Amino acid sequence: MTPSVFDGLEAVDETTYCVELGANAEQALKKHWDSFITRDDFIWLANVGINAVRMLRS
């Protein structure tokens, strides 16, 4: 996870992030997940020769 998602918090991982934010954690994490990987990331991967990406749904 990108460090900016932890700005202003004592949390250092997703579990402590959820504990610290409580009910607000889900909304904040969804916003992060929806914007963390972009089309530009896939363009960069293709340009450096990566031709497959494994995507998991949790």
PDB file of N, CA and C in Angstrom:
ATOM      1  N   MET A   1       0.841  -1.180   0.000  1.00  0.00           N
ATOM      2  CA  MET A   1       0.000   0.000   0.000  1.00  0.00           C
ATOM      3  C   MET A   1       0.881   1.235   0.000  1.00  0.00           C
ATOM      4  N   THR A   2       0.446   2.216  -0.685  1.00  0.00           N
ATOM      5  CA  THR A   2       1.195   3.454  -0.765  1.00  0.00           C
ATOM      6  C   THR A   2       1.214   4.173   0.587  1.00  0.00           C
ATOM      7  N   PRO A   3       2.344   4.717   0.971  1.00  0.00           N
ATOM      8  CA  PRO A   3       2.432   5.364   2.279  1.00  0.00           C
ATOM      9  C   PRO A   3       1.424   6.494   2.488  1.00  0.00           C
ATOM     10  N   SER A   4       1.015   7.194   1.427  1.00  0.00           N
ATOM     11  CA  SER A   4       0.099   8.322   1.608  1.00  0.00           C
ATOM     12  C   SER A   4      -1.254   7.900   2.176  1.00  0.00           C
ATOM     13  N   VAL A   5      -1.632   6.672   1.988  1.00  0.00           N
ATOM     14  CA  VAL A   5      -2.913   6.212   2.539  1.00  0.00           C
ATOM     15  C   VAL A   5      -2.851   6.177   4.074  1.00  0.00           C
ATOM     16  N   PHE A   6      -1.635   6.177   4.623  1.00  0.00           N
ATOM     17  CA  PHE A   6      -1.443   6.140   6.071  1.00  0.00           C
ATOM     18  C   PHE A   6      -1.191   7.523   6.682  1.00  0.00           C
ATOM     19  N   ASP A   7      -1.165   8.580   5.855  1.00  0.00           N
ATOM     20  CA  ASP A   7      -0.872   9.925   6.363  1.00  0.00           C
ATOM     21  C   ASP A   7      -1.777  10.287   7.539  1.00  0.00           C
ATOM     22  N   GLY A   8      -1.162  10.736   8.616  1.00  0.00           N
ATOM     23  CA  GLY A   8      -1.901  11.176   9.788  1.00  0.00           C
ATOM     24  C   GLY A   8      -2.359  10.068  10.713  1.00  0.00           C
ATOM     25  N   LEU A   9      -1.982   8.831  10.400  1.00  0.00           N
ATOM     26  CA  LEU A   9      -2.396   7.693  11.226  1.00  0.00           C
ATOM     27  C   LEU A   9      -1.175   7.031  11.865  1.00  0.00           C
ATOM     28  N   GLU A  10      -1.409   6.287  12.922  1.00  0.00           N
ATOM     29  CA  GLU A  10      -0.352   5.489  13.526  1.00  0.00           C
ATOM     30  C   GLU A  10      -0.250   4.123  12.855  1.00  0.00           C
ATOM     31  N   ALA A  11      -1.246   3.729  12.114  1.00  0.00           N
ATOM     32  CA  ALA A  11      -1.302   2.416  11.463  1.00  0.00           C
ATOM     33  C   ALA A  11      -0.126   2.218  10.513  1.00  0.00           C
ATOM     34  N   VAL A  12       0.348   0.964  10.441  1.00  0.00           N
ATOM     35  CA  VAL A  12       1.462   0.622   9.547  1.00  0.00           C
ATOM     36  C   VAL A  12       1.092  -0.495   8.572  1.00  0.00           C
ATOM     37  N   ASP A  13      -0.118  -1.037   8.697  1.00  0.00           N
ATOM     38  CA  ASP A  13      -0.582  -2.084   7.792  1.00  0.00           C
ATOM     39  C   ASP A  13      -2.108  -1.992   7.687  1.00  0.00           C
ATOM     40  N   GLU A  14      -2.677  -2.796   6.796  1.00  0.00           N
ATOM     41  CA  GLU A  14      -4.112  -2.698   6.553  1.00  0.00           C
ATOM     42  C   GLU A  14      -4.944  -3.071   7.776  1.00  0.00           C
ATOM     43  N   THR A  15      -4.476  -4.023   8.546  1.00  0.00           N
ATOM     44  CA  THR A  15      -5.225  -4.447   9.729  1.00  0.00           C
ATOM     45  C   THR A  15      -5.306  -3.330  10.758  1.00  0.00           C
ATOM     46  N   THR A  16      -4.161  -2.727  11.099  1.00  0.00           N
ATOM     47  CA  THR A  16      -4.182  -1.647  12.081  1.00  0.00           C
ATOM     48  C   THR A  16      -4.857  -0.398  11.508  1.00  0.00           C
ATOM     49  N   TYR A  17      -4.798  -0.228  10.197  1.00  0.00           N
ATOM     50  CA  TYR A  17      -5.513   0.856   9.521  1.00  0.00           C
ATOM     51  C   TYR A  17      -7.012   0.724   9.778  1.00  0.00           C
ATOM     52  N   CYS A  18      -7.538  -0.484   9.596  1.00  0.00           N
ATOM     53  CA  CYS A  18      -8.968  -0.735   9.799  1.00  0.00           C
ATOM     54  C   CYS A  18      -9.358  -0.551  11.257  1.00  0.00           C
ATOM     55  N   VAL A  19      -8.499  -0.965  12.160  1.00  0.00           N
ATOM     56  CA  VAL A  19      -8.791  -0.797  13.581  1.00  0.00           C
ATOM     57  C   VAL A  19      -8.820   0.691  13.927  1.00  0.00           C
ATOM     58  N   GLU A  20      -7.821   1.436  13.428  1.00  0.00           N
ATOM     59  CA  GLU A  20      -7.740   2.856  13.756  1.00  0.00           C
ATOM     60  C   GLU A  20      -8.890   3.673  13.153  1.00  0.00           C
ATOM     61  N   LEU A  21      -9.274   3.373  11.924  1.00  0.00           N
ATOM     62  CA  LEU A  21     -10.335   4.143  11.271  1.00  0.00           C
ATOM     63  C   LEU A  21     -11.736   3.615  11.568  1.00  0.00           C
ATOM     64  N   GLY A  22     -11.828   2.398  12.033  1.00  0.00           N
ATOM     65  CA  GLY A  22     -13.129   1.834  12.381  1.00  0.00           C
ATOM     66  C   GLY A  22     -14.070   1.806  11.190  1.00  0.00           C
ATOM     67  N   ALA A  23     -15.269   2.347  11.375  1.00  0.00           N
ATOM     68  CA  ALA A  23     -16.299   2.306  10.336  1.00  0.00           C
ATOM     69  C   ALA A  23     -15.914   3.082   9.080  1.00  0.00           C
ATOM     70  N   ASN A  24     -14.969   4.008   9.173  1.00  0.00           N
ATOM     71  CA  ASN A  24     -14.549   4.799   8.014  1.00  0.00           C
ATOM     72  C   ASN A  24     -13.513   4.097   7.145  1.00  0.00           C
ATOM     73  N   ALA A  25     -12.983   2.989   7.621  1.00  0.00           N
ATOM     74  CA  ALA A  25     -11.910   2.298   6.905  1.00  0.00           C
ATOM     75  C   ALA A  25     -12.351   1.780   5.544  1.00  0.00           C
ATOM     76  N   GLU A  26     -13.500   1.180   5.463  1.00  0.00           N
ATOM     77  CA  GLU A  26     -13.939   0.580   4.202  1.00  0.00           C
ATOM     78  C   GLU A  26     -14.040   1.623   3.089  1.00  0.00           C
ATOM     79  N   GLN A  27     -14.666   2.742   3.371  1.00  0.00           N
ATOM     80  CA  GLN A  27     -14.815   3.801   2.359  1.00  0.00           C
ATOM     81  C   GLN A  27     -13.448   4.341   1.934  1.00  0.00           C
ATOM     82  N   ALA A  28     -12.558   4.570   2.890  1.00  0.00           N
ATOM     83  CA  ALA A  28     -11.230   5.096   2.576  1.00  0.00           C
ATOM     84  C   ALA A  28     -10.423   4.096   1.754  1.00  0.00           C
ATOM     85  N   LEU A  29     -10.502   2.823   2.104  1.00  0.00           N
ATOM     86  CA  LEU A  29      -9.760   1.806   1.358  1.00  0.00           C
ATOM     87  C   LEU A  29     -10.330   1.622  -0.046  1.00  0.00           C
ATOM     88  N   LYS A  30     -11.644   1.647  -0.196  1.00  0.00           N
ATOM     89  CA  LYS A  30     -12.235   1.520  -1.533  1.00  0.00           C
ATOM     90  C   LYS A  30     -11.787   2.664  -2.433  1.00  0.00           C
ATOM     91  N   LYS A  31     -11.741   3.880  -1.882  1.00  0.00           N
ATOM     92  CA  LYS A  31     -11.260   5.025  -2.658  1.00  0.00           C
ATOM     93  C   LYS A  31      -9.810   4.793  -3.089  1.00  0.00           C
ATOM     94  N   HIS A  32      -8.996   4.305  -2.180  1.00  0.00           N
ATOM     95  CA  HIS A  32      -7.593   4.001  -2.485  1.00  0.00           C
ATOM     96  C   HIS A  32      -7.490   2.906  -3.551  1.00  0.00           C
ATOM     97  N   TRP A  33      -8.211   1.820  -3.370  1.00  0.00           N
ATOM     98  CA  TRP A  33      -8.147   0.696  -4.311  1.00  0.00           C
ATOM     99  C   TRP A  33      -8.607   1.104  -5.712  1.00  0.00           C
ATOM    100  N   ASP A  34      -9.624   1.961  -5.778  1.00  0.00           N
ATOM    101  CA  ASP A  34     -10.162   2.385  -7.078  1.00  0.00           C
ATOM    102  C   ASP A  34      -9.229   3.306  -7.850  1.00  0.00           C
ATOM    103  N   SER A  35      -8.260   3.889  -7.163  1.00  0.00           N
ATOM    104  CA  SER A  35      -7.388   4.856  -7.837  1.00  0.00           C
ATOM    105  C   SER A  35      -5.910   4.494  -7.807  1.00  0.00           C
ATOM    106  N   PHE A  36      -5.530   3.453  -7.108  1.00  0.00           N
ATOM    107  CA  PHE A  36      -4.113   3.135  -6.922  1.00  0.00           C
ATOM    108  C   PHE A  36      -3.456   2.636  -8.212  1.00  0.00           C
ATOM    109  N   ILE A  37      -4.095   1.753  -8.926  1.00  0.00           N
ATOM    110  CA  ILE A  37      -3.581   1.244 -10.199  1.00  0.00           C
ATOM    111  C   ILE A  37      -4.380   1.903 -11.314  1.00  0.00           C
ATOM    112  N   THR A  38      -3.673   2.489 -12.278  1.00  0.00           N
ATOM    113  CA  THR A  38      -4.346   3.218 -13.348  1.00  0.00           C
ATOM    114  C   THR A  38      -3.976   2.642 -14.711  1.00  0.00           C
ATOM    115  N   ARG A  39      -4.630   3.134 -15.727  1.00  0.00           N
ATOM    116  CA  ARG A  39      -4.318   2.745 -17.110  1.00  0.00           C
ATOM    117  C   ARG A  39      -2.843   3.003 -17.423  1.00  0.00           C
ATOM    118  N   ASP A  40      -2.306   4.103 -16.933  1.00  0.00           N
ATOM    119  CA  ASP A  40      -0.897   4.423 -17.166  1.00  0.00           C
ATOM    120  C   ASP A  40       0.035   3.349 -16.614  1.00  0.00           C
ATOM    121  N   ASP A  41      -0.346   2.716 -15.526  1.00  0.00           N
ATOM    122  CA  ASP A  41       0.465   1.627 -14.971  1.00  0.00           C
ATOM    123  C   ASP A  41       0.531   0.450 -15.944  1.00  0.00           C
ATOM    124  N   PHE A  42      -0.591   0.135 -16.583  1.00  0.00           N
ATOM    125  CA  PHE A  42      -0.611  -0.962 -17.546  1.00  0.00           C
ATOM    126  C   PHE A  42       0.171  -0.598 -18.809  1.00  0.00           C
ATOM    127  N   ILE A  43       0.118   0.650 -19.207  1.00  0.00           N
ATOM    128  CA  ILE A  43       0.915   1.105 -20.352  1.00  0.00           C
ATOM    129  C   ILE A  43       2.394   0.965 -20.035  1.00  0.00           C
ATOM    130  N   TRP A  44       2.798   1.369 -18.850  1.00  0.00           N
ATOM    131  CA  TRP A  44       4.199   1.237 -18.429  1.00  0.00           C
ATOM    132  C   TRP A  44       4.616  -0.242 -18.427  1.00  0.00           C
ATOM    133  N   LEU A  45       3.783  -1.105 -17.871  1.00  0.00           N
ATOM    134  CA  LEU A  45       4.096  -2.537 -17.835  1.00  0.00           C
ATOM    135  C   LEU A  45       4.316  -3.076 -19.250  1.00  0.00           C
ATOM    136  N   ALA A  46       3.442  -2.728 -20.168  1.00  0.00           N
ATOM    137  CA  ALA A  46       3.586  -3.186 -21.557  1.00  0.00           C
ATOM    138  C   ALA A  46       4.865  -2.653 -22.173  1.00  0.00           C
ATOM    139  N   ASN A  47       5.188  -1.410 -21.893  1.00  0.00           N
ATOM    140  CA  ASN A  47       6.391  -0.804 -22.467  1.00  0.00           C
ATOM    141  C   ASN A  47       7.684  -1.429 -21.958  1.00  0.00           C
ATOM    142  N   VAL A  48       7.654  -2.009 -20.757  1.00  0.00           N
ATOM    143  CA  VAL A  48       8.856  -2.660 -20.230  1.00  0.00           C
ATOM    144  C   VAL A  48       8.851  -4.168 -20.487  1.00  0.00           C
ATOM    145  N   GLY A  49       7.881  -4.638 -21.265  1.00  0.00           N
ATOM    146  CA  GLY A  49       7.887  -6.030 -21.695  1.00  0.00           C
ATOM    147  C   GLY A  49       7.018  -6.978 -20.890  1.00  0.00           C
ATOM    148  N   ILE A  50       6.276  -6.478 -19.937  1.00  0.00           N
ATOM    149  CA  ILE A  50       5.358  -7.345 -19.173  1.00  0.00           C
ATOM    150  C   ILE A  50       4.140  -7.610 -20.055  1.00  0.00           C
ATOM    151  N   ASN A  51       3.822  -8.881 -20.271  1.00  0.00           N
ATOM    152  CA  ASN A  51       2.699  -9.198 -21.164  1.00  0.00           C
ATOM    153  C   ASN A  51       1.578  -9.969 -20.469  1.00  0.00           C
ATOM    154  N   ALA A  52       1.653 -10.076 -19.151  1.00  0.00           N
ATOM    155  CA  ALA A  52       0.588 -10.736 -18.401  1.00  0.00           C
ATOM    156  C   ALA A  52       0.499 -10.126 -17.017  1.00  0.00           C
ATOM    157  N   VAL A  53      -0.707 -10.004 -16.518  1.00  0.00           N
ATOM    158  CA  VAL A  53      -0.941  -9.476 -15.184  1.00  0.00           C
ATOM    159  C   VAL A  53      -1.952 -10.386 -14.500  1.00  0.00           C
ATOM    160  N   ARG A  54      -1.632 -10.840 -13.326  1.00  0.00           N
ATOM    161  CA  ARG A  54      -2.563 -11.676 -12.572  1.00  0.00           C
ATOM    162  C   ARG A  54      -3.406 -10.770 -11.686  1.00  0.00           C
ATOM    163  N   MET A  55      -4.692 -10.891 -11.806  1.00  0.00           N
ATOM    164  CA  MET A  55      -5.604 -10.064 -11.014  1.00  0.00           C
ATOM    165  C   MET A  55      -6.417 -10.971 -10.113  1.00  0.00           C
ATOM    166  N   LEU A  56      -6.433 -10.644  -8.848  1.00  0.00           N
ATOM    167  CA  LEU A  56      -7.188 -11.407  -7.868  1.00  0.00           C
ATOM    168  C   LEU A  56      -8.318 -10.551  -7.333  1.00  0.00           C
ATOM    169  N   ARG A  57      -9.402 -11.182  -7.089  1.00  0.00           N
ATOM    170  CA  ARG A  57     -10.532 -10.478  -6.482  1.00  0.00           C
ATOM    171  C   ARG A  57     -10.679 -11.001  -5.074  1.00  0.00           C
ATOM    172  N   SER A  58     -10.698 -10.087  -4.140  1.00  0.00           N
ATOM    173  CA  SER A  58     -10.816 -10.537  -2.744  1.00  0.00           C
ATOM    174  C   SER A  58     -12.172 -10.232  -2.178  1.00  0.00           C
TER     175      SER A  58
END
